[in-house]
PDB file of N, CA and C in Angstrom:
ATOM      1  N   UNK A   1     -16.468 -37.147  39.112  1.00  0.00           N
ATOM      2  CA  UNK A   1     -16.942 -36.347  39.814  1.00  0.00           C
ATOM      3  C   UNK A   1     -18.322 -35.640  39.962  1.00  0.00           C
ATOM      4  N   UNK A   2     -18.740 -35.525  40.922  1.00  0.00           N
ATOM      5  CA  UNK A   2     -20.370 -35.196  41.302  1.00  0.00           C
ATOM      6  C   UNK A   2     -20.331 -34.081  41.605  1.00  0.00           C
ATOM      7  N   UNK A   3     -21.204 -32.694  41.101  1.00  0.00           N
ATOM      8  CA  UNK A   3     -20.893 -31.611  41.623  1.00  0.00           C
ATOM      9  C   UNK A   3     -22.603 -30.987  41.722  1.00  0.00           C
ATOM     10  N   UNK A   4     -23.186 -30.638  42.541  1.00  0.00           N
ATOM     11  CA  UNK A   4     -24.380 -29.934  42.720  1.00  0.00           C
ATOM     12  C   UNK A   4     -24.480 -28.825  43.530  1.00  0.00           C
ATOM     13  N   UNK A   5     -25.580 -28.034  43.685  1.00  0.00           N
ATOM     14  CA  UNK A   5     -25.999 -27.249  44.823  1.00  0.00           C
ATOM     15  C   UNK A   5     -27.068 -26.135  44.782  1.00  0.00           C
ATOM     16  N   UNK A   6     -27.238 -25.389  45.529  1.00  0.00           N
ATOM     17  CA  UNK A   6     -28.470 -24.768  45.563  1.00  0.00           C
ATOM     18  C   UNK A   6     -27.764 -23.100  45.836  1.00  0.00           C
ATOM     19  N   UNK A   7     -28.830 -22.106  45.163  1.00  0.00           N
ATOM     20  CA  UNK A   7     -28.531 -20.939  45.088  1.00  0.00           C
ATOM     21  C   UNK A   7     -29.758 -19.987  45.057  1.00  0.00           C
ATOM     22  N   UNK A   8     -29.698 -19.325  46.070  1.00  0.00           N
ATOM     23  CA  UNK A   8     -31.031 -18.655  46.705  1.00  0.00           C
ATOM     24  C   UNK A   8     -30.505 -17.163  46.713  1.00  0.00           C
ATOM     25  N   UNK A   9     -31.052 -16.336  45.750  1.00  0.00           N
ATOM     26  CA  UNK A   9     -30.936 -14.700  45.815  1.00  0.00           C
ATOM     27  C   UNK A   9     -32.198 -14.024  45.871  1.00  0.00           C
ATOM     28  N   UNK A  10     -32.103 -12.815  46.338  1.00  0.00           N
ATOM     29  CA  UNK A  10     -33.337 -12.263  46.436  1.00  0.00           C
ATOM     30  C   UNK A  10     -33.064 -10.966  46.786  1.00  0.00           C
ATOM     31  N   UNK A  11     -33.378  -9.655  46.300  1.00  0.00           N
ATOM     32  CA  UNK A  11     -33.432  -8.170  46.282  1.00  0.00           C
ATOM     33  C   UNK A  11     -34.631  -7.821  46.627  1.00  0.00           C
ATOM     34  N   UNK A  12     -34.573  -6.607  47.329  1.00  0.00           N
ATOM     35  CA  UNK A  12     -35.847  -5.940  47.586  1.00  0.00           C
ATOM     36  C   UNK A  12     -35.597  -4.340  48.040  1.00  0.00           C
ATOM     37  N   UNK A  13     -36.044  -3.450  46.965  1.00  0.00           N
ATOM     38  CA  UNK A  13     -35.991  -2.071  46.248  1.00  0.00           C
ATOM     39  C   UNK A  13     -37.092  -1.262  46.995  1.00  0.00           C
ATOM     40  N   UNK A  14     -36.751  -0.221  47.553  1.00  0.00           N
ATOM     41  CA  UNK A  14     -37.738   0.827  48.299  1.00  0.00           C
ATOM     42  C   UNK A  14     -37.507   1.978  47.872  1.00  0.00           C
ATOM     43  N   UNK A  15     -38.014   3.174  47.199  1.00  0.00           N
ATOM     44  CA  UNK A  15     -37.692   4.427  46.788  1.00  0.00           C
ATOM     45  C   UNK A  15     -38.661   5.217  48.054  1.00  0.00           C
ATOM     46  N   UNK A  16     -37.955   6.207  48.662  1.00  0.00           N
ATOM     47  CA  UNK A  16     -38.502   7.069  49.469  1.00  0.00           C
ATOM     48  C   UNK A  16     -38.144   8.572  49.771  1.00  0.00           C
ATOM     49  N   UNK A  17     -38.923   9.519  49.218  1.00  0.00           N
ATOM     50  CA  UNK A  17     -38.010  11.035  48.960  1.00  0.00           C
ATOM     51  C   UNK A  17     -36.947  10.535  48.224  1.00  0.00           C
ATOM     52  N   UNK A  18     -35.729  11.078  48.880  1.00  0.00           N
ATOM     53  CA  UNK A  18     -34.613  10.896  48.101  1.00  0.00           C
ATOM     54  C   UNK A  18     -33.674  10.142  48.402  1.00  0.00           C
ATOM     55  N   UNK A  19     -34.222   8.771  49.095  1.00  0.00           N
ATOM     56  CA  UNK A  19     -33.576   7.656  49.248  1.00  0.00           C
ATOM     57  C   UNK A  19     -33.869   6.501  48.335  1.00  0.00           C
ATOM     58  N   UNK A  20     -33.006   5.786  47.774  1.00  0.00           N
ATOM     59  CA  UNK A  20     -33.223   4.618  46.890  1.00  0.00           C
ATOM     60  C   UNK A  20     -32.692   3.636  48.001  1.00  0.00           C
ATOM     61  N   UNK A  21     -33.333   2.352  48.568  1.00  0.00           N
ATOM     62  CA  UNK A  21     -32.668   1.591  49.259  1.00  0.00           C
ATOM     63  C   UNK A  21     -33.169   0.360  48.702  1.00  0.00           C
ATOM     64  N   UNK A  22     -32.052  -0.363  48.926  1.00  0.00           N
ATOM     65  CA  UNK A  22     -32.021  -1.956  48.113  1.00  0.00           C
ATOM     66  C   UNK A  22     -31.171  -3.005  49.323  1.00  0.00           C
ATOM     67  N   UNK A  23     -32.011  -4.105  49.688  1.00  0.00           N
ATOM     68  CA  UNK A  23     -31.693  -4.740  50.654  1.00  0.00           C
ATOM     69  C   UNK A  23     -31.694  -6.154  50.050  1.00  0.00           C
ATOM     70  N   UNK A  24     -30.753  -6.984  49.724  1.00  0.00           N
ATOM     71  CA  UNK A  24     -30.514  -8.244  49.604  1.00  0.00           C
ATOM     72  C   UNK A  24     -29.887  -9.472  50.177  1.00  0.00           C
ATOM     73  N   UNK A  25     -30.172 -10.412  49.801  1.00  0.00           N
ATOM     74  CA  UNK A  25     -29.614 -11.891  50.288  1.00  0.00           C
ATOM     75  C   UNK A  25     -29.015 -12.887  49.310  1.00  0.00           C
ATOM     76  N   UNK A  26     -27.981 -13.612  49.665  1.00  0.00           N
ATOM     77  CA  UNK A  26     -27.709 -14.815  48.787  1.00  0.00           C
ATOM     78  C   UNK A  26     -27.295 -15.754  49.816  1.00  0.00           C
ATOM     79  N   UNK A  27     -27.910 -17.094  49.621  1.00  0.00           N
ATOM     80  CA  UNK A  27     -27.703 -18.198  50.480  1.00  0.00           C
ATOM     81  C   UNK A  27     -27.112 -19.277  49.509  1.00  0.00           C
ATOM     82  N   UNK A  28     -26.361 -19.824  49.525  1.00  0.00           N
ATOM     83  CA  UNK A  28     -25.435 -20.641  48.359  1.00  0.00           C
ATOM     84  C   UNK A  28     -25.034 -21.930  49.422  1.00  0.00           C
ATOM     85  N   UNK A  29     -25.320 -23.132  48.747  1.00  0.00           N
ATOM     86  CA  UNK A  29     -24.950 -24.732  49.483  1.00  0.00           C
ATOM     87  C   UNK A  29     -24.451 -25.261  48.482  1.00  0.00           C
ATOM     88  N   UNK A  30     -23.319 -25.708  48.627  1.00  0.00           N
ATOM     89  CA  UNK A  30     -22.511 -26.489  47.372  1.00  0.00           C
ATOM     90  C   UNK A  30     -21.631 -27.834  47.992  1.00  0.00           C
ATOM     91  N   UNK A  31     -22.529 -28.657  48.597  1.00  0.00           N
ATOM     92  CA  UNK A  31     -21.889 -30.094  48.384  1.00  0.00           C
ATOM     93  C   UNK A  31     -21.354 -30.867  47.326  1.00  0.00           C
ATOM     94  N   UNK A  32     -19.961 -31.167  47.348  1.00  0.00           N
ATOM     95  CA  UNK A  32     -19.184 -31.701  46.276  1.00  0.00           C
ATOM     96  C   UNK A  32     -18.901 -32.994  46.914  1.00  0.00           C
ATOM     97  N   UNK A  33     -18.722 -33.902  45.668  1.00  0.00           N
ATOM     98  CA  UNK A  33     -18.202 -35.445  46.094  1.00  0.00           C
ATOM     99  C   UNK A  33     -17.271 -35.644  44.920  1.00  0.00           C
ATOM    100  N   UNK A  34     -16.088 -35.831  45.160  1.00  0.00           N
ATOM    101  CA  UNK A  34     -14.761 -36.521  44.429  1.00  0.00           C
ATOM    102  C   UNK A  34     -14.573 -37.919  44.518  1.00  0.00           C
ATOM    103  N   UNK A  35     -14.946 -38.749  43.486  1.00  0.00           N
ATOM    104  CA  UNK A  35     -14.105 -40.221  43.712  1.00  0.00           C
ATOM    105  C   UNK A  35     -13.284 -40.133  42.489  1.00  0.00           C
ATOM    106  N   UNK A  36     -11.981 -40.546  42.868  1.00  0.00           N
ATOM    107  CA  UNK A  36     -10.980 -40.783  42.014  1.00  0.00           C
ATOM    108  C   UNK A  36     -10.067 -42.123  42.352  1.00  0.00           C
ATOM    109  N   UNK A  37      -9.372 -42.260  40.994  1.00  0.00           N
ATOM    110  CA  UNK A  37      -8.629 -43.728  41.393  1.00  0.00           C
ATOM    111  C   UNK A  37      -7.315 -43.064  42.810  1.00  0.00           C
ATOM    112  N   UNK A  38      -6.712 -44.646  43.200  1.00  0.00           N
ATOM    113  CA  UNK A  38      -5.577 -43.858  43.858  1.00  0.00           C
ATOM    114  C   UNK A  38      -4.465 -43.597  43.170  1.00  0.00           C
ATOM    115  N   UNK A  39      -4.487 -43.554  41.804  1.00  0.00           N
ATOM    116  CA  UNK A  39      -3.310 -43.085  40.808  1.00  0.00           C
ATOM    117  C   UNK A  39      -4.140 -41.491  40.289  1.00  0.00           C
ATOM    118  N   UNK A  40      -4.475 -41.072  40.734  1.00  0.00           N
ATOM    119  CA  UNK A  40      -5.776 -39.742  40.074  1.00  0.00           C
ATOM    120  C   UNK A  40      -4.273 -38.673  39.713  1.00  0.00           C
ATOM    121  N   UNK A  41      -3.547 -38.538  41.005  1.00  0.00           N
ATOM    122  CA  UNK A  41      -2.182 -37.551  40.371  1.00  0.00           C
ATOM    123  C   UNK A  41      -1.207 -38.345  39.571  1.00  0.00           C
ATOM    124  N   UNK A  42      -0.955 -37.844  38.570  1.00  0.00           N
ATOM    125  CA  UNK A  42       0.044 -38.431  37.318  1.00  0.00           C
ATOM    126  C   UNK A  42       1.258 -38.509  38.089  1.00  0.00           C
ATOM    127  N   UNK A  43       2.155 -39.110  37.516  1.00  0.00           N
ATOM    128  CA  UNK A  43       3.625 -39.421  37.963  1.00  0.00           C
ATOM    129  C   UNK A  43       4.372 -38.836  36.584  1.00  0.00           C
ATOM    130  N   UNK A  44       5.359 -38.164  37.014  1.00  0.00           N
ATOM    131  CA  UNK A  44       6.236 -37.411  35.875  1.00  0.00           C
ATOM    132  C   UNK A  44       7.605 -37.931  35.996  1.00  0.00           C
ATOM    133  N   UNK A  45       8.051 -37.817  34.627  1.00  0.00           N
ATOM    134  CA  UNK A  45       9.787 -38.368  34.606  1.00  0.00           C
ATOM    135  C   UNK A  45      10.126 -37.464  33.878  1.00  0.00           C
ATOM    136  N   UNK A  46      11.492 -36.492  34.180  1.00  0.00           N
ATOM    137  CA  UNK A  46      12.283 -35.920  33.784  1.00  0.00           C
ATOM    138  C   UNK A  46      13.612 -36.490  33.465  1.00  0.00           C
ATOM    139  N   UNK A  47      14.160 -35.739  32.292  1.00  0.00           N
ATOM    140  CA  UNK A  47      15.485 -35.856  31.586  1.00  0.00           C
ATOM    141  C   UNK A  47      16.449 -35.505  32.645  1.00  0.00           C
ATOM    142  N   UNK A  48      16.362 -34.375  33.108  1.00  0.00           N
ATOM    143  CA  UNK A  48      17.387 -33.933  34.265  1.00  0.00           C
ATOM    144  C   UNK A  48      16.727 -32.559  34.915  1.00  0.00           C
ATOM    145  N   UNK A  49      17.480 -32.258  35.799  1.00  0.00           N
ATOM    146  CA  UNK A  49      17.097 -30.994  36.742  1.00  0.00           C
ATOM    147  C   UNK A  49      16.769 -29.782  35.984  1.00  0.00           C
ATOM    148  N   UNK A  50      17.143 -29.126  34.966  1.00  0.00           N
ATOM    149  CA  UNK A  50      17.148 -28.248  34.176  1.00  0.00           C
ATOM    150  C   UNK A  50      15.402 -28.397  33.185  1.00  0.00           C
ATOM    151  N   UNK A  51      15.178 -29.672  32.913  1.00  0.00           N
ATOM    152  CA  UNK A  51      13.900 -30.142  32.121  1.00  0.00           C
ATOM    153  C   UNK A  51      12.734 -29.832  33.355  1.00  0.00           C
ATOM    154  N   UNK A  52      13.380 -30.292  35.016  1.00  0.00           N
ATOM    155  CA  UNK A  52      12.122 -30.069  36.036  1.00  0.00           C
ATOM    156  C   UNK A  52      11.853 -28.663  36.370  1.00  0.00           C
ATOM    157  N   UNK A  53      13.071 -27.798  36.158  1.00  0.00           N
ATOM    158  CA  UNK A  53      12.887 -26.537  36.458  1.00  0.00           C
ATOM    159  C   UNK A  53      12.146 -25.800  35.378  1.00  0.00           C
ATOM    160  N   UNK A  54      12.439 -26.312  34.108  1.00  0.00           N
ATOM    161  CA  UNK A  54      11.606 -25.475  33.178  1.00  0.00           C
ATOM    162  C   UNK A  54      10.131 -26.163  32.450  1.00  0.00           C
ATOM    163  N   UNK A  55       9.832 -27.125  33.754  1.00  0.00           N
ATOM    164  CA  UNK A  55       8.643 -27.883  33.813  1.00  0.00           C
ATOM    165  C   UNK A  55       8.452 -28.258  32.073  1.00  0.00           C
ATOM    166  N   UNK A  56       9.403 -29.225  32.105  1.00  0.00           N
ATOM    167  CA  UNK A  56       9.142 -30.019  30.499  1.00  0.00           C
ATOM    168  C   UNK A  56       9.481 -31.429  30.994  1.00  0.00           C
ATOM    169  N   UNK A  57       8.730 -32.263  31.263  1.00  0.00           N
ATOM    170  CA  UNK A  57       8.725 -33.538  31.268  1.00  0.00           C
ATOM    171  C   UNK A  57       8.995 -34.619  30.078  1.00  0.00           C
ATOM    172  N   UNK A  58       9.456 -35.519  30.383  1.00  0.00           N
ATOM    173  CA  UNK A  58       9.696 -36.359  29.189  1.00  0.00           C
ATOM    174  C   UNK A  58       8.380 -37.259  29.350  1.00  0.00           C
ATOM    175  N   UNK A  59       7.781 -37.452  30.337  1.00  0.00           N
ATOM    176  CA  UNK A  59       6.551 -38.309  30.088  1.00  0.00           C
ATOM    177  C   UNK A  59       5.693 -38.336  31.627  1.00  0.00           C
ATOM    178  N   UNK A  60       4.499 -38.522  30.873  1.00  0.00           N
ATOM    179  CA  UNK A  60       3.284 -38.381  32.467  1.00  0.00           C
ATOM    180  C   UNK A  60       2.535 -39.509  31.919  1.00  0.00           C
ATOM    181  N   UNK A  61       2.636 -40.102  33.476  1.00  0.00           N
ATOM    182  CA  UNK A  61       1.768 -41.465  33.376  1.00  0.00           C
ATOM    183  C   UNK A  61       0.351 -41.535  34.511  1.00  0.00           C
ATOM    184  N   UNK A  62      -0.497 -41.937  34.070  1.00  0.00           N
ATOM    185  CA  UNK A  62      -1.599 -41.756  35.237  1.00  0.00           C
ATOM    186  C   UNK A  62      -2.536 -43.232  34.750  1.00  0.00           C
ATOM    187  N   UNK A  63      -2.923 -43.783  35.902  1.00  0.00           N
ATOM    188  CA  UNK A  63      -3.747 -45.145  35.468  1.00  0.00           C
ATOM    189  C   UNK A  63      -5.071 -44.488  35.644  1.00  0.00           C
ATOM    190  N   UNK A  64      -6.037 -44.808  35.014  1.00  0.00           N
ATOM    191  CA  UNK A  64      -7.353 -44.469  35.483  1.00  0.00           C
ATOM    192  C   UNK A  64      -8.489 -45.712  35.081  1.00  0.00           C
ATOM    193  N   UNK A  65      -9.476 -45.517  35.665  1.00  0.00           N
ATOM    194  CA  UNK A  65     -10.496 -46.670  34.902  1.00  0.00           C
ATOM    195  C   UNK A  65     -12.189 -45.935  35.170  1.00  0.00           C
ATOM    196  N   UNK A  66     -12.895 -46.554  34.190  1.00  0.00           N
ATOM    197  CA  UNK A  66     -14.438 -45.829  34.115  1.00  0.00           C
ATOM    198  C   UNK A  66     -15.283 -46.834  34.965  1.00  0.00           C
ATOM    199  N   UNK A  67     -14.663 -48.011  35.580  1.00  0.00           N
ATOM    200  CA  UNK A  67     -15.253 -48.849  36.274  1.00  0.00           C
ATOM    201  C   UNK A  67     -16.205 -48.263  37.285  1.00  0.00           C
ATOM    202  N   UNK A  68     -17.402 -48.399  37.284  1.00  0.00           N
ATOM    203  CA  UNK A  68     -18.303 -48.048  38.771  1.00  0.00           C
ATOM    204  C   UNK A  68     -17.772 -48.484  40.099  1.00  0.00           C
ATOM    205  N   UNK A  69     -17.252 -50.066  39.966  1.00  0.00           N
ATOM    206  CA  UNK A  69     -17.020 -50.610  40.986  1.00  0.00           C
ATOM    207  C   UNK A  69     -15.453 -50.865  40.973  1.00  0.00           C
ATOM    208  N   UNK A  70     -14.712 -49.868  40.569  1.00  0.00           N
ATOM    209  CA  UNK A  70     -13.229 -50.033  40.555  1.00  0.00           C
ATOM    210  C   UNK A  70     -12.439 -50.253  41.851  1.00  0.00           C
ATOM    211  N   UNK A  71     -11.503 -51.299  42.036  1.00  0.00           N
ATOM    212  CA  UNK A  71     -10.825 -50.983  43.144  1.00  0.00           C
ATOM    213  C   UNK A  71     -10.008 -49.719  42.920  1.00  0.00           C
ATOM    214  N   UNK A  72      -9.453 -49.429  44.270  1.00  0.00           N
ATOM    215  CA  UNK A  72      -8.340 -48.327  44.452  1.00  0.00           C
ATOM    216  C   UNK A  72      -9.119 -46.946  44.277  1.00  0.00           C
ATOM    217  N   UNK A  73     -10.326 -47.010  44.866  1.00  0.00           N
ATOM    218  CA  UNK A  73     -11.168 -45.701  44.698  1.00  0.00           C
ATOM    219  C   UNK A  73     -10.956 -45.034  45.877  1.00  0.00           C
ATOM    220  N   UNK A  74     -10.671 -43.642  45.951  1.00  0.00           N
ATOM    221  CA  UNK A  74     -10.564 -42.723  46.822  1.00  0.00           C
ATOM    222  C   UNK A  74     -11.851 -41.536  47.012  1.00  0.00           C
ATOM    223  N   UNK A  75     -12.511 -41.437  47.626  1.00  0.00           N
ATOM    224  CA  UNK A  75     -13.639 -40.415  47.844  1.00  0.00           C
ATOM    225  C   UNK A  75     -13.419 -39.448  48.875  1.00  0.00           C
ATOM    226  N   UNK A  76     -13.742 -38.028  48.109  1.00  0.00           N
ATOM    227  CA  UNK A  76     -13.482 -36.885  49.181  1.00  0.00           C
ATOM    228  C   UNK A  76     -14.646 -36.563  49.392  1.00  0.00           C
ATOM    229  N   UNK A  77     -15.418 -35.872  50.202  1.00  0.00           N
ATOM    230  CA  UNK A  77     -16.682 -34.895  50.261  1.00  0.00           C
ATOM    231  C   UNK A  77     -16.350 -33.782  50.966  1.00  0.00           C
ATOM    232  N   UNK A  78     -16.869 -32.593  50.455  1.00  0.00           N
ATOM    233  CA  UNK A  78     -16.735 -31.352  50.792  1.00  0.00           C
ATOM    234  C   UNK A  78     -18.109 -30.439  50.828  1.00  0.00           C
ATOM    235  N   UNK A  79     -18.210 -29.827  52.039  1.00  0.00           N
ATOM    236  CA  UNK A  79     -19.585 -28.920  52.021  1.00  0.00           C
ATOM    237  C   UNK A  79     -19.107 -27.665  52.085  1.00  0.00           C
ATOM    238  N   UNK A  80     -19.602 -26.567  51.311  1.00  0.00           N
ATOM    239  CA  UNK A  80     -19.773 -25.521  51.413  1.00  0.00           C
ATOM    240  C   UNK A  80     -20.828 -24.707  51.727  1.00  0.00           C
ATOM    241  N   UNK A  81     -21.028 -23.378  52.476  1.00  0.00           N
ATOM    242  CA  UNK A  81     -21.912 -22.722  52.575  1.00  0.00           C
ATOM    243  C   UNK A  81     -21.509 -21.324  52.821  1.00  0.00           C
ATOM    244  N   UNK A  82     -22.517 -20.652  52.020  1.00  0.00           N
ATOM    245  CA  UNK A  82     -22.227 -19.076  51.929  1.00  0.00           C
ATOM    246  C   UNK A  82     -23.702 -18.436  52.579  1.00  0.00           C
ATOM    247  N   UNK A  83     -23.698 -17.147  53.043  1.00  0.00           N
ATOM    248  CA  UNK A  83     -24.913 -16.397  53.358  1.00  0.00           C
ATOM    249  C   UNK A  83     -23.979 -15.212  53.316  1.00  0.00           C
ATOM    250  N   UNK A  84     -24.563 -14.274  52.137  1.00  0.00           N
ATOM    251  CA  UNK A  84     -23.996 -12.801  51.977  1.00  0.00           C
ATOM    252  C   UNK A  84     -25.405 -11.849  51.961  1.00  0.00           C
ATOM    253  N   UNK A  85     -25.323 -10.732  52.728  1.00  0.00           N
ATOM    254  CA  UNK A  85     -25.996  -9.993  52.927  1.00  0.00           C
ATOM    255  C   UNK A  85     -25.425  -8.535  52.399  1.00  0.00           C
ATOM    256  N   UNK A  86     -26.189  -7.406  51.912  1.00  0.00           N
ATOM    257  CA  UNK A  86     -26.314  -6.236  51.663  1.00  0.00           C
ATOM    258  C   UNK A  86     -27.293  -5.343  51.881  1.00  0.00           C
ATOM    259  N   UNK A  87     -27.032  -3.685  52.449  1.00  0.00           N
ATOM    260  CA  UNK A  87     -27.892  -2.725  52.355  1.00  0.00           C
ATOM    261  C   UNK A  87     -27.195  -1.941  51.595  1.00  0.00           C
ATOM    262  N   UNK A  88     -27.978  -0.983  50.681  1.00  0.00           N
ATOM    263  CA  UNK A  88     -27.256   0.226  50.204  1.00  0.00           C
ATOM    264  C   UNK A  88     -28.401   1.353  50.068  1.00  0.00           C
ATOM    265  N   UNK A  89     -28.083   2.119  50.404  1.00  0.00           N
ATOM    266  CA  UNK A  89     -28.763   3.378  50.078  1.00  0.00           C
ATOM    267  C   UNK A  89     -28.148   4.832  49.369  1.00  0.00           C
ATOM    268  N   UNK A  90     -28.756   4.658  48.286  1.00  0.00           N
ATOM    269  CA  UNK A  90     -28.425   5.909  47.488  1.00  0.00           C
ATOM    270  C   UNK A  90     -29.278   6.974  47.821  1.00  0.00           C
ATOM    271  N   UNK A  91     -28.672   7.958  48.391  1.00  0.00           N
ATOM    272  CA  UNK A  91     -29.089   9.183  48.816  1.00  0.00           C
ATOM    273  C   UNK A  91     -28.952  10.434  47.620  1.00  0.00           C
ATOM    274  N   UNK A  92     -30.112  10.975  47.417  1.00  0.00           N
ATOM    275  CA  UNK A  92     -29.529  12.299  46.597  1.00  0.00           C
ATOM    276  C   UNK A  92     -29.684  13.459  47.520  1.00  0.00           C
ATOM    277  N   UNK A  93     -29.188  14.662  47.109  1.00  0.00           N
ATOM    278  CA  UNK A  93     -29.245  15.781  47.563  1.00  0.00           C
ATOM    279  C   UNK A  93     -30.707  16.471  48.039  1.00  0.00           C
ATOM    280  N   UNK A  94     -31.374  16.544  46.587  1.00  0.00           N
ATOM    281  CA  UNK A  94     -32.868  16.735  46.599  1.00  0.00           C
ATOM    282  C   UNK A  94     -33.602  15.779  46.163  1.00  0.00           C
ATOM    283  N   UNK A  95     -34.902  15.577  46.418  1.00  0.00           N
ATOM    284  CA  UNK A  95     -35.767  14.563  46.050  1.00  0.00           C
ATOM    285  C   UNK A  95     -36.276  15.044  44.735  1.00  0.00           C
ATOM    286  N   UNK A  96     -36.111  14.111  43.904  1.00  0.00           N
ATOM    287  CA  UNK A  96     -36.795  14.203  42.262  1.00  0.00           C
ATOM    288  C   UNK A  96     -38.290  14.697  42.443  1.00  0.00           C
ATOM    289  N   UNK A  97     -38.708  15.718  41.991  1.00  0.00           N
ATOM    290  CA  UNK A  97     -39.725  16.624  42.058  1.00  0.00           C
ATOM    291  C   UNK A  97     -40.737  15.766  41.033  1.00  0.00           C
ATOM    292  N   UNK A  98     -42.124  15.535  41.750  1.00  0.00           N
ATOM    293  CA  UNK A  98     -43.336  14.858  41.175  1.00  0.00           C
ATOM    294  C   UNK A  98     -43.750  15.871  39.872  1.00  0.00           C
ATOM    295  N   UNK A  99     -43.651  14.943  38.700  1.00  0.00           N
ATOM    296  CA  UNK A  99     -44.207  15.589  37.508  1.00  0.00           C
ATOM    297  C   UNK A  99     -45.918  15.523  37.454  1.00  0.00           C
TER     298      UNK A  99
END
């Protein structure tokens, strides 16, 4: 599986009289490529229905290979993008006195 992404975050703060204002943004880009064999999901064998209900398999089998050019490969590509912003104003009843 190959995963990578870019994440950009920035916050701006400004204090004026009795207000403390923060403005921020976050940009996230995360494309992902999964390369698996066709037998990536394992096969389970159970003794009986009660073993199945209790999630106690007798055997689990899965064929896999590490060869780069293996047959029966399946590939999935997913893109995700996120943009989030916020504005926060902390207001006090009285401004802080200058000393």
